[in-house]
Amino acid sequence: MRRHPGRGEAGRQVTVVSPRGAEIGRRIGVGLMYGLWKPRVLGAWRVPASGPVILAVNHSHNIDGPMVMGTAPRGTHFLIKKEAFVGPLGPFLEGIGQVKVDRSGADRAAITDALAVLDGGGVLGIFPEGTRGDGDFASLRAGLAYFAVRSGAPIVPVAVLGSTERRGRLIKGLPPLRSRVDVVFGDAFAAGDGSGRRTRTALDEATVRIQDRLTGHLETARRLTGR
């Protein structure tokens, strides 16, 4: 899934999205997440072994994305806000296949990159709440529904629990080192109604279906983990 770089509508260069980079990112994530914390992973087998898939992840802490990258069974391309691509971190994130997105408007270049991941049979990671919050899937943006309906890729809900329960003593902005963080993968499901419609009404209906499944998964994950 190599694509030649081009220019998005806003003049931004479209990233070359690399599946090999995402796999390298997964291996780095494994080392870091298991080295610094104690992830407990449930249901990773529910992620399809091949073909396009979207991981819809709740988001309450900055380590949620890296935690999923290090515990998912496949390399994941996350949509990440452009503000994170600063200094040396920018080339690193691009090198491990992450997708830069401008959240101030419809970022056509990011949309093209994300669809290329799915068209190439890859794994796209999305925080459907758009930004860090309570991590309860209470407010979803329409982007997740668009990518799912447009590509036909199934959605796998992912709940990351425990990343905000306590603050570390050495680094206040991170969970305590060697503390347990639970990552629970749910059953894959289709967002569309089978009609293939991509109208605004169809996307609104898909968003409602998605929210019901994600909140239901989060409740199940909390019950399973006791969190």
Protein backbone atom coordinates (compact mmCIF):
# COMPACT_ATOMS: atom_id res chain seq x y z
CA MET A 1 0.00 0.00 0.00
CA ARG A 2 2.58 2.50 -1.08
CA ARG A 3 1.20 5.70 -2.53
CA HIS A 4 3.05 8.51 -4.22
CA PRO A 5 2.96 11.75 -2.23
CA GLY A 6 0.78 14.51 -3.60
CA ARG A 7 -0.98 17.63 -2.48
CA GLY A 8 -4.23 17.84 -0.57
CA GLU A 9 -6.83 20.49 -1.32
CA ALA A 10 -5.39 22.71 1.39
CA GLY A 11 -1.95 22.46 -0.21
CA ARG A 12 -0.60 20.08 2.42
CA GLN A 13 1.50 17.21 1.17
CA VAL A 14 -0.32 13.92 1.40
CA THR A 15 1.60 11.40 3.51
CA VAL A 16 2.92 8.15 2.08
CA VAL A 17 1.11 5.72 4.38
CA SER A 18 3.32 2.72 5.04
CA PRO A 19 2.02 -0.61 6.37
CA ARG A 20 5.62 -1.59 7.13
CA GLY A 21 5.95 1.57 9.21
CA ALA A 22 2.81 0.69 11.16
CA GLU A 23 4.22 -2.76 11.93
CA ILE A 24 7.44 -1.16 13.16
CA GLY A 25 5.30 1.15 15.29
CA ARG A 26 3.49 -1.89 16.71
CA ARG A 27 6.77 -3.49 17.73
CA ILE A 28 7.98 -0.28 19.35
CA GLY A 29 4.65 -0.02 21.15
CA VAL A 30 4.97 -3.59 22.45
CA GLY A 31 8.37 -2.81 23.94
CA LEU A 32 7.34 0.47 25.50
CA MET A 33 3.90 -0.45 26.81
CA TYR A 34 4.91 -3.81 28.27
CA GLY A 35 8.18 -2.36 29.51
CA LEU A 36 6.63 0.58 31.37
CA TRP A 37 3.22 -0.79 32.38
CA LYS A 38 1.36 -4.08 32.73
CA PRO A 39 -1.25 -4.22 29.96
CA ARG A 40 -3.98 -6.81 30.39
CA VAL A 41 -5.43 -7.53 26.96
CA LEU A 42 -8.81 -9.15 26.45
CA GLY A 43 -10.35 -10.17 23.13
CA ALA A 44 -7.49 -9.27 20.78
CA TRP A 45 -8.50 -12.31 18.72
CA ARG A 46 -11.63 -10.40 17.73
CA VAL A 47 -9.59 -8.17 15.42
CA PRO A 48 -9.86 -9.69 11.90
CA ALA A 49 -6.53 -11.23 10.91
CA SER A 50 -6.62 -9.63 7.47
CA GLY A 51 -8.54 -7.07 5.46
CA PRO A 52 -9.57 -3.52 6.33
CA VAL A 53 -10.75 -2.80 9.85
CA ILE A 54 -11.35 0.28 11.99
CA LEU A 55 -10.42 0.29 15.68
CA ALA A 56 -12.70 2.72 17.52
CA VAL A 57 -10.93 3.61 20.76
CA ASN A 58 -12.16 5.59 23.76
CA HIS A 59 -9.81 8.41 24.68
CA SER A 60 -9.08 9.76 28.14
CA HIS A 61 -5.27 9.80 28.22
CA ASN A 62 -2.37 10.40 25.84
CA ILE A 63 -1.10 6.84 26.26
CA ASP A 64 -4.36 5.31 24.96
CA GLY A 65 -3.19 5.35 21.33
CA PRO A 66 0.29 3.94 22.01
CA MET A 67 -1.27 1.36 24.34
CA VAL A 68 -3.53 0.10 21.55
CA MET A 69 -0.65 0.19 19.05
CA GLY A 70 1.35 -2.03 21.40
CA THR A 71 -1.45 -4.49 22.20
CA ALA A 72 -3.35 -4.82 18.90
CA PRO A 73 -2.40 -7.91 16.88
CA ARG A 74 -1.85 -5.84 13.71
CA GLY A 75 -0.01 -2.63 12.91
CA THR A 76 -2.37 0.33 13.29
CA HIS A 77 -2.49 3.69 11.51
CA PHE A 78 -4.02 6.20 13.92
CA LEU A 79 -5.53 9.52 12.95
CA ILE A 80 -3.54 11.93 15.14
CA LYS A 81 -3.99 15.69 15.52
CA LYS A 82 -1.44 17.75 13.60
CA GLU A 83 -0.33 19.51 16.79
CA ALA A 84 1.43 16.27 17.82
CA PHE A 85 3.65 16.36 14.71
CA VAL A 86 6.15 18.87 16.09
CA GLY A 87 9.93 18.69 16.14
CA PRO A 88 11.51 15.23 15.77
CA LEU A 89 8.21 13.59 16.79
CA GLY A 90 6.67 14.56 13.44
CA PRO A 91 8.99 12.51 11.19
CA PHE A 92 8.85 9.66 13.71
CA LEU A 93 5.04 9.49 13.66
CA GLU A 94 5.00 9.65 9.88
CA GLY A 95 7.69 6.97 9.76
CA ILE A 96 5.55 4.55 11.76
CA GLY A 97 2.56 5.10 9.50
CA GLN A 98 0.46 7.51 11.54
CA VAL A 99 -1.90 9.93 9.79
CA LYS A 100 -1.77 13.67 10.51
CA VAL A 101 -5.16 15.39 10.66
CA ASP A 102 -6.14 19.04 10.97
CA ARG A 103 -9.17 19.06 13.27
CA SER A 104 -10.12 22.65 12.48
CA GLY A 105 -12.01 21.61 9.36
CA ALA A 106 -12.48 18.89 6.76
CA ASP A 107 -8.89 17.78 6.12
CA ARG A 108 -9.10 16.28 2.63
CA ALA A 109 -5.51 15.08 2.69
CA ALA A 110 -6.09 13.16 5.94
CA ILE A 111 -9.32 11.69 4.55
CA THR A 112 -7.43 10.51 1.47
CA ASP A 113 -4.70 8.98 3.63
CA ALA A 114 -7.19 7.23 5.91
CA LEU A 115 -9.19 5.78 3.03
CA ALA A 116 -5.94 4.59 1.44
CA VAL A 117 -5.18 2.62 4.61
CA LEU A 118 -8.55 0.88 4.39
CA ASP A 119 -8.47 0.44 0.61
CA GLY A 120 -5.12 -1.30 1.09
CA GLY A 121 -6.57 -3.71 3.64
CA GLY A 122 -4.98 -2.01 6.65
CA VAL A 123 -6.05 -1.11 10.18
CA LEU A 124 -7.21 2.45 10.88
CA GLY A 125 -7.33 3.65 14.48
CA ILE A 126 -9.81 6.40 15.36
CA PHE A 127 -10.73 8.22 18.55
CA PRO A 128 -14.39 8.82 17.64
CA GLU A 129 -14.84 11.40 20.40
CA GLY A 130 -12.36 13.59 18.52
CA THR A 131 -10.27 14.55 21.54
CA ARG A 132 -9.46 13.47 25.07
CA GLY A 133 -12.40 13.54 27.44
CA ASP A 134 -14.09 11.17 29.85
CA GLY A 135 -13.46 8.27 27.48
CA ASP A 136 -17.10 7.17 27.63
CA PHE A 137 -18.05 7.48 23.93
CA ALA A 138 -20.73 10.00 24.98
CA SER A 139 -20.18 12.35 22.03
CA LEU A 140 -19.17 10.93 18.66
CA ARG A 141 -18.11 12.86 15.59
CA ALA A 142 -19.37 11.81 12.18
CA GLY A 143 -15.93 10.90 10.86
CA LEU A 144 -16.03 7.31 12.12
CA ALA A 145 -19.36 6.66 10.39
CA TYR A 146 -18.09 8.18 7.16
CA PHE A 147 -14.97 6.02 7.02
CA ALA A 148 -16.89 2.87 7.95
CA VAL A 149 -19.72 3.40 5.46
CA ARG A 150 -17.46 4.70 2.70
CA SER A 151 -15.00 1.79 2.95
CA GLY A 152 -17.30 -0.98 4.14
CA ALA A 153 -14.68 -1.87 6.78
CA PRO A 154 -15.96 -3.43 10.02
CA ILE A 155 -15.52 -1.57 13.29
CA VAL A 156 -13.91 -3.17 16.34
CA PRO A 157 -14.64 -1.25 19.56
CA VAL A 158 -11.70 -0.91 21.93
CA ALA A 159 -11.90 0.18 25.57
CA VAL A 160 -8.74 1.34 27.35
CA LEU A 161 -9.35 1.39 31.11
CA GLY A 162 -7.09 2.38 33.98
CA SER A 163 -4.93 4.98 32.24
CA THR A 164 -6.38 7.84 34.30
CA GLU A 165 -7.10 6.16 37.64
CA ARG A 166 -3.87 7.28 39.32
CA ARG A 167 -1.01 9.66 38.59
CA GLY A 168 2.56 8.49 38.60
CA ARG A 169 4.95 9.71 41.28
CA LEU A 170 7.89 10.22 38.92
CA ILE A 171 5.99 11.56 35.93
CA LYS A 172 2.71 13.13 37.01
CA GLY A 173 1.22 13.10 33.51
CA LEU A 174 1.48 9.31 33.17
CA PRO A 175 -0.04 6.36 35.03
CA PRO A 176 2.24 4.88 37.70
CA LEU A 177 5.00 2.74 36.20
CA ARG A 178 4.20 -0.99 36.20
CA SER A 179 0.53 -0.31 36.95
CA ARG A 180 -2.12 -2.32 35.15
CA VAL A 181 -3.95 -0.90 32.15
CA ASP A 182 -6.74 -2.94 30.60
CA VAL A 183 -7.33 -3.03 26.85
CA VAL A 184 -10.56 -4.77 25.82
CA PHE A 185 -11.37 -5.50 22.17
CA GLY A 186 -15.01 -6.07 21.23
CA ASP A 187 -16.81 -7.91 18.45
CA ALA A 188 -16.47 -6.49 14.94
CA PHE A 189 -19.64 -5.01 13.45
CA ALA A 190 -20.79 -3.24 10.30
CA ALA A 191 -21.83 0.40 10.66
CA GLY A 192 -24.01 0.59 7.56
CA ASP A 193 -27.51 -0.79 7.09
CA GLY A 194 -26.53 -2.86 4.08
CA SER A 195 -28.04 -0.48 1.55
CA GLY A 196 -24.74 1.15 0.57
CA ARG A 197 -26.27 4.63 1.06
CA ARG A 198 -23.84 7.45 1.92
CA THR A 199 -26.36 10.25 2.41
CA ARG A 200 -26.30 12.53 5.44
CA THR A 201 -29.30 10.66 6.83
CA ALA A 202 -27.53 7.32 6.35
CA LEU A 203 -24.42 8.62 8.12
CA ASP A 204 -26.50 10.01 11.00
CA GLU A 205 -28.24 6.64 11.38
CA ALA A 206 -24.88 4.86 11.27
CA THR A 207 -23.53 7.17 13.98
CA VAL A 208 -26.43 6.22 16.25
CA ARG A 209 -25.80 2.51 15.64
CA ILE A 210 -22.09 2.97 16.28
CA GLN A 211 -22.65 4.85 19.53
CA ASP A 212 -24.99 2.14 20.80
CA ARG A 213 -22.39 -0.55 20.08
CA LEU A 214 -19.47 1.41 21.52
CA THR A 215 -21.23 2.36 24.76
CA GLY A 216 -22.46 -1.21 25.12
CA HIS A 217 -18.92 -2.50 24.69
CA LEU A 218 -17.59 -0.04 27.25
CA GLU A 219 -20.14 -1.24 29.81
CA THR A 220 -19.15 -4.84 29.12
CA ALA A 221 -15.44 -3.98 29.40
CA ARG A 222 -15.96 -2.29 32.75
CA ARG A 223 -17.89 -5.27 34.01
CA LEU A 224 -15.21 -7.72 32.83
CA THR A 225 -12.34 -5.74 34.34
CA GLY A 226 -14.06 -4.42 37.45
CA ARG A 227 -13.21 -0.82 36.47
